[in-house]
Amino acid sequence: MLYLQLIWVFVKAGLLGFGGGMAVISLIQGEVLSRGWMTETEFIDIVGISQVTPGPIGINCATYVGYTVGGVWGSLLASAAIVFPSLVIMLIICRIYDSIRDRYQDNRTFQNSMRIIRILVVLLVAHAAFVLFTPSTFIDWKSWAIFGVVFACMLLPLFKKNKVTKLIGNPILLILAAGAVGWMIYC
């Protein structure tokens, strides 16, 4: 039951605080204090620790709260539950991009702008999928190496269009591959 509560708390915080580290932290604080999982002083201590740990502050805070409340499993569930809504929102943005791109096929400037936006969104999602398993890897050289590979794969279909390059540059496959690599390296 505790683990289900943890998942729900962090999915809500991830949805409502999408894109803002401090917004996520304030939402986590409200949820944690209302459930009596820890005192305000304990939560402030956790925020302090999460600020000095490399990586996105909202994810780090979720990880430490999850560990304090539910141990190692709590930590993993909290991290995953807070990242998941962001991944879903970014994939929805990708889908919206595809529908808009099809409408303005003849406008070259628009098409190029949309390609850049798509690449940035896929890179963000792939990077989030990679660092999901160990949030402190946000500035790890391995995370930036996989980031570079995903970027190269996204660019490939722009230079050579065939079935193979389209498959290699498929955003869903790239995100899943980034997550799988992160899991293999850090778990």
C-alpha atoms as a PDB file:
ATOM      1  CA  MET A   1       0.000   0.000   0.000  1.00  0.00           C
ATOM      2  CA  LEU A   2       2.851   2.372   0.861  1.00  0.00           C
ATOM      3  CA  TYR A   3       4.422   1.805  -2.557  1.00  0.00           C
ATOM      4  CA  LEU A   4       1.142   2.595  -4.339  1.00  0.00           C
ATOM      5  CA  GLN A   5       0.885   5.811  -2.300  1.00  0.00           C
ATOM      6  CA  LEU A   6       4.476   6.697  -3.257  1.00  0.00           C
ATOM      7  CA  ILE A   7       3.764   6.145  -6.956  1.00  0.00           C
ATOM      8  CA  TRP A   8       0.576   8.251  -6.822  1.00  0.00           C
ATOM      9  CA  VAL A   9       2.275  11.103  -4.898  1.00  0.00           C
ATOM     10  CA  PHE A  10       5.127  11.383  -7.390  1.00  0.00           C
ATOM     11  CA  VAL A  11       3.047  10.896 -10.539  1.00  0.00           C
ATOM     12  CA  LYS A  12       0.866  13.815  -9.358  1.00  0.00           C
ATOM     13  CA  ALA A  13       3.926  15.937  -8.583  1.00  0.00           C
ATOM     14  CA  GLY A  14       5.443  15.083 -11.987  1.00  0.00           C
ATOM     15  CA  LEU A  15       2.250  15.979 -13.858  1.00  0.00           C
ATOM     16  CA  LEU A  16       1.556  19.239 -12.044  1.00  0.00           C
ATOM     17  CA  GLY A  17       5.157  20.412 -11.851  1.00  0.00           C
ATOM     18  CA  PHE A  18       6.253  19.483 -15.395  1.00  0.00           C
ATOM     19  CA  GLY A  19       9.265  21.558 -16.414  1.00  0.00           C
ATOM     20  CA  GLY A  20      10.013  23.201 -13.058  1.00  0.00           C
ATOM     21  CA  GLY A  21      12.324  21.768 -10.399  1.00  0.00           C
ATOM     22  CA  MET A  22      11.213  24.041  -7.558  1.00  0.00           C
ATOM     23  CA  ALA A  23       7.525  23.606  -8.495  1.00  0.00           C
ATOM     24  CA  VAL A  24       7.993  19.833  -8.240  1.00  0.00           C
ATOM     25  CA  ILE A  25       9.700  20.191  -4.843  1.00  0.00           C
ATOM     26  CA  SER A  26       6.919  22.359  -3.404  1.00  0.00           C
ATOM     27  CA  LEU A  27       4.304  19.853  -4.629  1.00  0.00           C
ATOM     28  CA  ILE A  28       6.283  16.956  -3.099  1.00  0.00           C
ATOM     29  CA  GLN A  29       6.570  18.872   0.181  1.00  0.00           C
ATOM     30  CA  GLY A  30       2.798  19.433   0.376  1.00  0.00           C
ATOM     31  CA  GLU A  31       2.066  15.756  -0.311  1.00  0.00           C
ATOM     32  CA  VAL A  32       4.744  14.429   2.071  1.00  0.00           C
ATOM     33  CA  LEU A  33       3.720  16.690   4.982  1.00  0.00           C
ATOM     34  CA  SER A  34      -0.007  15.974   4.490  1.00  0.00           C
ATOM     35  CA  ARG A  35       0.673  12.218   4.725  1.00  0.00           C
ATOM     36  CA  GLY A  36       2.899  12.625   7.780  1.00  0.00           C
ATOM     37  CA  TRP A  37       5.809  10.784   6.157  1.00  0.00           C
ATOM     38  CA  MET A  38       8.320  13.227   7.643  1.00  0.00           C
ATOM     39  CA  THR A  39       8.537  16.559   9.452  1.00  0.00           C
ATOM     40  CA  GLU A  40       9.161  19.860   7.709  1.00  0.00           C
ATOM     41  CA  THR A  41      12.706  19.946   9.127  1.00  0.00           C
ATOM     42  CA  GLU A  42      13.446  16.470   7.725  1.00  0.00           C
ATOM     43  CA  PHE A  43      12.089  17.492   4.337  1.00  0.00           C
ATOM     44  CA  ILE A  44      14.229  20.664   4.297  1.00  0.00           C
ATOM     45  CA  ASP A  45      17.276  18.494   5.077  1.00  0.00           C
ATOM     46  CA  ILE A  46      16.422  16.270   2.110  1.00  0.00           C
ATOM     47  CA  VAL A  47      16.025  19.300  -0.177  1.00  0.00           C
ATOM     48  CA  GLY A  48      19.463  20.503   0.989  1.00  0.00           C
ATOM     49  CA  ILE A  49      21.014  17.124   0.155  1.00  0.00           C
ATOM     50  CA  SER A  50      19.276  16.981  -3.226  1.00  0.00           C
ATOM     51  CA  GLN A  51      20.621  20.448  -4.128  1.00  0.00           C
ATOM     52  CA  VAL A  52      24.231  19.364  -3.685  1.00  0.00           C
ATOM     53  CA  THR A  53      23.725  16.081  -5.575  1.00  0.00           C
ATOM     54  CA  PRO A  54      24.405  16.299  -9.327  1.00  0.00           C
ATOM     55  CA  GLY A  55      21.260  15.955 -11.393  1.00  0.00           C
ATOM     56  CA  PRO A  56      17.760  17.460 -11.720  1.00  0.00           C
ATOM     57  CA  ILE A  57      16.733  18.730  -8.280  1.00  0.00           C
ATOM     58  CA  GLY A  58      13.112  17.508  -8.497  1.00  0.00           C
ATOM     59  CA  ILE A  59      14.163  13.937  -9.376  1.00  0.00           C
ATOM     60  CA  ASN A  60      16.881  13.923  -6.703  1.00  0.00           C
ATOM     61  CA  CYS A  61      14.410  15.144  -4.079  1.00  0.00           C
ATOM     62  CA  ALA A  62      11.928  12.427  -5.089  1.00  0.00           C
ATOM     63  CA  THR A  63      14.680   9.802  -4.857  1.00  0.00           C
ATOM     64  CA  TYR A  64      15.703  10.844  -1.327  1.00  0.00           C
ATOM     65  CA  VAL A  65      12.097  11.128  -0.106  1.00  0.00           C
ATOM     66  CA  GLY A  66      11.348   7.700  -1.597  1.00  0.00           C
ATOM     67  CA  TYR A  67      14.406   6.212   0.111  1.00  0.00           C
ATOM     68  CA  THR A  68      13.508   7.756   3.481  1.00  0.00           C
ATOM     69  CA  VAL A  69       9.906   6.552   3.294  1.00  0.00           C
ATOM     70  CA  GLY A  70      10.196   3.210   1.493  1.00  0.00           C
ATOM     71  CA  GLY A  71      13.861   2.203   1.307  1.00  0.00           C
ATOM     72  CA  VAL A  72      15.542   1.178  -1.968  1.00  0.00           C
ATOM     73  CA  TRP A  73      12.260   0.149  -3.654  1.00  0.00           C
ATOM     74  CA  GLY A  74      10.670   3.407  -2.516  1.00  0.00           C
ATOM     75  CA  SER A  75      13.558   5.337  -4.034  1.00  0.00           C
ATOM     76  CA  LEU A  76      13.267   3.563  -7.394  1.00  0.00           C
ATOM     77  CA  LEU A  77       9.472   3.913  -7.508  1.00  0.00           C
ATOM     78  CA  ALA A  78       9.604   7.603  -6.571  1.00  0.00           C
ATOM     79  CA  SER A  79      12.208   8.372  -9.270  1.00  0.00           C
ATOM     80  CA  ALA A  80      10.324   6.426 -11.945  1.00  0.00           C
ATOM     81  CA  ALA A  81       6.925   7.878 -10.996  1.00  0.00           C
ATOM     82  CA  ILE A  82       8.142  11.473 -11.209  1.00  0.00           C
ATOM     83  CA  VAL A  83       9.943  11.009 -14.544  1.00  0.00           C
ATOM     84  CA  PHE A  84       7.144   9.015 -16.216  1.00  0.00           C
ATOM     85  CA  PRO A  85       4.654  11.926 -16.625  1.00  0.00           C
ATOM     86  CA  SER A  86       7.384  14.077 -18.197  1.00  0.00           C
ATOM     87  CA  LEU A  87       8.203  11.309 -20.682  1.00  0.00           C
ATOM     88  CA  VAL A  88       4.514  10.933 -21.589  1.00  0.00           C
ATOM     89  CA  ILE A  89       4.058  14.702 -22.003  1.00  0.00           C
ATOM     90  CA  MET A  90       7.148  14.906 -24.217  1.00  0.00           C
ATOM     91  CA  LEU A  91       5.928  12.006 -26.382  1.00  0.00           C
ATOM     92  CA  ILE A  92       2.581  13.806 -26.772  1.00  0.00           C
ATOM     93  CA  ILE A  93       4.520  16.904 -27.888  1.00  0.00           C
ATOM     94  CA  CYS A  94       6.291  14.702 -30.479  1.00  0.00           C
ATOM     95  CA  ARG A  95       2.924  13.478 -31.775  1.00  0.00           C
ATOM     96  CA  ILE A  96       1.572  17.042 -32.020  1.00  0.00           C
ATOM     97  CA  TYR A  97       4.733  17.969 -33.901  1.00  0.00           C
ATOM     98  CA  ASP A  98       4.091  15.193 -36.453  1.00  0.00           C
ATOM     99  CA  SER A  99       0.528  16.362 -37.139  1.00  0.00           C
ATOM    100  CA  ILE A 100       1.592  20.026 -37.514  1.00  0.00           C
ATOM    101  CA  ARG A 101       4.512  19.077 -39.771  1.00  0.00           C
ATOM    102  CA  ASP A 102       2.195  17.244 -42.173  1.00  0.00           C
ATOM    103  CA  ARG A 103      -0.046  20.314 -42.486  1.00  0.00           C
ATOM    104  CA  TYR A 104       2.809  22.627 -43.534  1.00  0.00           C
ATOM    105  CA  GLN A 105       4.733  20.306 -45.860  1.00  0.00           C
ATOM    106  CA  ASP A 106       5.512  23.000 -48.444  1.00  0.00           C
ATOM    107  CA  ASN A 107       6.924  25.624 -46.062  1.00  0.00           C
ATOM    108  CA  ARG A 108      10.688  24.862 -45.877  1.00  0.00           C
ATOM    109  CA  THR A 109      11.494  27.274 -43.004  1.00  0.00           C
ATOM    110  CA  PHE A 110       8.668  25.855 -40.929  1.00  0.00           C
ATOM    111  CA  GLN A 111       9.753  22.289 -41.708  1.00  0.00           C
ATOM    112  CA  ASN A 112      13.347  22.987 -40.599  1.00  0.00           C
ATOM    113  CA  SER A 113      12.150  24.659 -37.388  1.00  0.00           C
ATOM    114  CA  MET A 114       9.930  21.692 -36.627  1.00  0.00           C
ATOM    115  CA  ARG A 115      12.805  19.250 -37.234  1.00  0.00           C
ATOM    116  CA  ILE A 116      14.936  21.102 -34.664  1.00  0.00           C
ATOM    117  CA  ILE A 117      12.067  21.061 -32.137  1.00  0.00           C
ATOM    118  CA  ARG A 118      11.501  17.350 -32.712  1.00  0.00           C
ATOM    119  CA  ILE A 119      15.185  16.519 -32.256  1.00  0.00           C
ATOM    120  CA  LEU A 120      15.339  18.542 -29.018  1.00  0.00           C
ATOM    121  CA  VAL A 121      12.233  16.868 -27.594  1.00  0.00           C
ATOM    122  CA  VAL A 122      13.455  13.362 -28.459  1.00  0.00           C
ATOM    123  CA  LEU A 123      16.879  14.154 -26.977  1.00  0.00           C
ATOM    124  CA  LEU A 124      15.278  15.351 -23.738  1.00  0.00           C
ATOM    125  CA  VAL A 125      13.083  12.254 -23.477  1.00  0.00           C
ATOM    126  CA  ALA A 126      15.964   9.898 -24.327  1.00  0.00           C
ATOM    127  CA  HIS A 127      18.207  11.585 -21.770  1.00  0.00           C
ATOM    128  CA  ALA A 128      15.486  11.373 -19.111  1.00  0.00           C
ATOM    129  CA  ALA A 129      14.997   7.669 -19.914  1.00  0.00           C
ATOM    130  CA  PHE A 130      18.739   7.090 -19.555  1.00  0.00           C
ATOM    131  CA  VAL A 131      19.195   8.902 -16.214  1.00  0.00           C
ATOM    132  CA  LEU A 132      15.986   7.440 -14.748  1.00  0.00           C
ATOM    133  CA  PHE A 133      17.892   4.584 -13.090  1.00  0.00           C
ATOM    134  CA  THR A 134      20.532   6.758 -11.431  1.00  0.00           C
ATOM    135  CA  PRO A 135      19.552  10.461 -11.339  1.00  0.00           C
ATOM    136  CA  SER A 136      23.103  11.484 -10.349  1.00  0.00           C
ATOM    137  CA  THR A 137      24.277  10.376 -13.832  1.00  0.00           C
ATOM    138  CA  PHE A 138      22.794  13.602 -15.237  1.00  0.00           C
ATOM    139  CA  ILE A 139      26.341  15.001 -15.621  1.00  0.00           C
ATOM    140  CA  ASP A 140      28.071  11.633 -16.051  1.00  0.00           C
ATOM    141  CA  TRP A 141      30.121  11.343 -19.293  1.00  0.00           C
ATOM    142  CA  LYS A 142      28.249   8.139 -20.151  1.00  0.00           C
ATOM    143  CA  SER A 143      24.922   9.971 -20.183  1.00  0.00           C
ATOM    144  CA  TRP A 144      26.326  12.599 -22.557  1.00  0.00           C
ATOM    145  CA  ALA A 145      27.829   9.877 -24.767  1.00  0.00           C
ATOM    146  CA  ILE A 146      24.419   8.203 -25.175  1.00  0.00           C
ATOM    147  CA  PHE A 147      22.925  11.684 -25.693  1.00  0.00           C
ATOM    148  CA  GLY A 148      25.370  12.181 -28.620  1.00  0.00           C
ATOM    149  CA  VAL A 149      24.510   8.790 -30.150  1.00  0.00           C
ATOM    150  CA  VAL A 150      20.768   9.553 -29.979  1.00  0.00           C
ATOM    151  CA  PHE A 151      21.431  12.950 -31.597  1.00  0.00           C
ATOM    152  CA  ALA A 152      23.414  11.328 -34.437  1.00  0.00           C
ATOM    153  CA  CYS A 153      20.651   8.755 -34.994  1.00  0.00           C
ATOM    154  CA  MET A 154      18.031  11.525 -35.126  1.00  0.00           C
ATOM    155  CA  LEU A 155      20.029  13.386 -37.794  1.00  0.00           C
ATOM    156  CA  LEU A 156      20.695  10.321 -39.964  1.00  0.00           C
ATOM    157  CA  PRO A 157      17.282  10.208 -41.731  1.00  0.00           C
ATOM    158  CA  LEU A 158      17.706  13.876 -42.726  1.00  0.00           C
ATOM    159  CA  PHE A 159      20.762  13.016 -44.856  1.00  0.00           C
ATOM    160  CA  LYS A 160      19.823   9.591 -46.217  1.00  0.00           C
ATOM    161  CA  LYS A 161      16.194   8.529 -46.443  1.00  0.00           C
ATOM    162  CA  ASN A 162      15.560   4.793 -46.594  1.00  0.00           C
ATOM    163  CA  LYS A 163      13.888   2.131 -44.426  1.00  0.00           C
ATOM    164  CA  VAL A 164      17.019   1.483 -42.364  1.00  0.00           C
ATOM    165  CA  THR A 165      17.690   5.138 -41.484  1.00  0.00           C
ATOM    166  CA  LYS A 166      13.998   5.691 -40.688  1.00  0.00           C
ATOM    167  CA  LEU A 167      14.122   2.726 -38.314  1.00  0.00           C
ATOM    168  CA  ILE A 168      17.358   3.950 -36.679  1.00  0.00           C
ATOM    169  CA  GLY A 169      15.916   7.455 -36.270  1.00  0.00           C
ATOM    170  CA  ASN A 170      12.563   6.277 -34.853  1.00  0.00           C
ATOM    171  CA  PRO A 171      12.015   8.353 -31.667  1.00  0.00           C
ATOM    172  CA  ILE A 172      10.273   5.575 -29.707  1.00  0.00           C
ATOM    173  CA  LEU A 173      13.049   3.064 -30.465  1.00  0.00           C
ATOM    174  CA  LEU A 174      15.739   5.617 -29.551  1.00  0.00           C
ATOM    175  CA  ILE A 175      14.064   6.407 -26.213  1.00  0.00           C
ATOM    176  CA  LEU A 176      13.617   2.705 -25.388  1.00  0.00           C
ATOM    177  CA  ALA A 177      17.235   2.020 -26.380  1.00  0.00           C
ATOM    178  CA  ALA A 178      18.492   4.886 -24.178  1.00  0.00           C
ATOM    179  CA  GLY A 179      16.505   3.531 -21.235  1.00  0.00           C
ATOM    180  CA  ALA A 180      17.800  -0.002 -21.847  1.00  0.00           C
ATOM    181  CA  VAL A 181      21.416   1.208 -22.000  1.00  0.00           C
ATOM    182  CA  GLY A 182      20.917   3.163 -18.751  1.00  0.00           C
ATOM    183  CA  TRP A 183      19.487   0.053 -17.098  1.00  0.00           C
ATOM    184  CA  MET A 184      22.375  -2.162 -18.317  1.00  0.00           C
ATOM    185  CA  ILE A 185      25.044   0.299 -17.138  1.00  0.00           C
ATOM    186  CA  TYR A 186      23.624   1.284 -13.753  1.00  0.00           C
ATOM    187  CA  CYS A 187      21.491  -1.645 -12.534  1.00  0.00           C
END
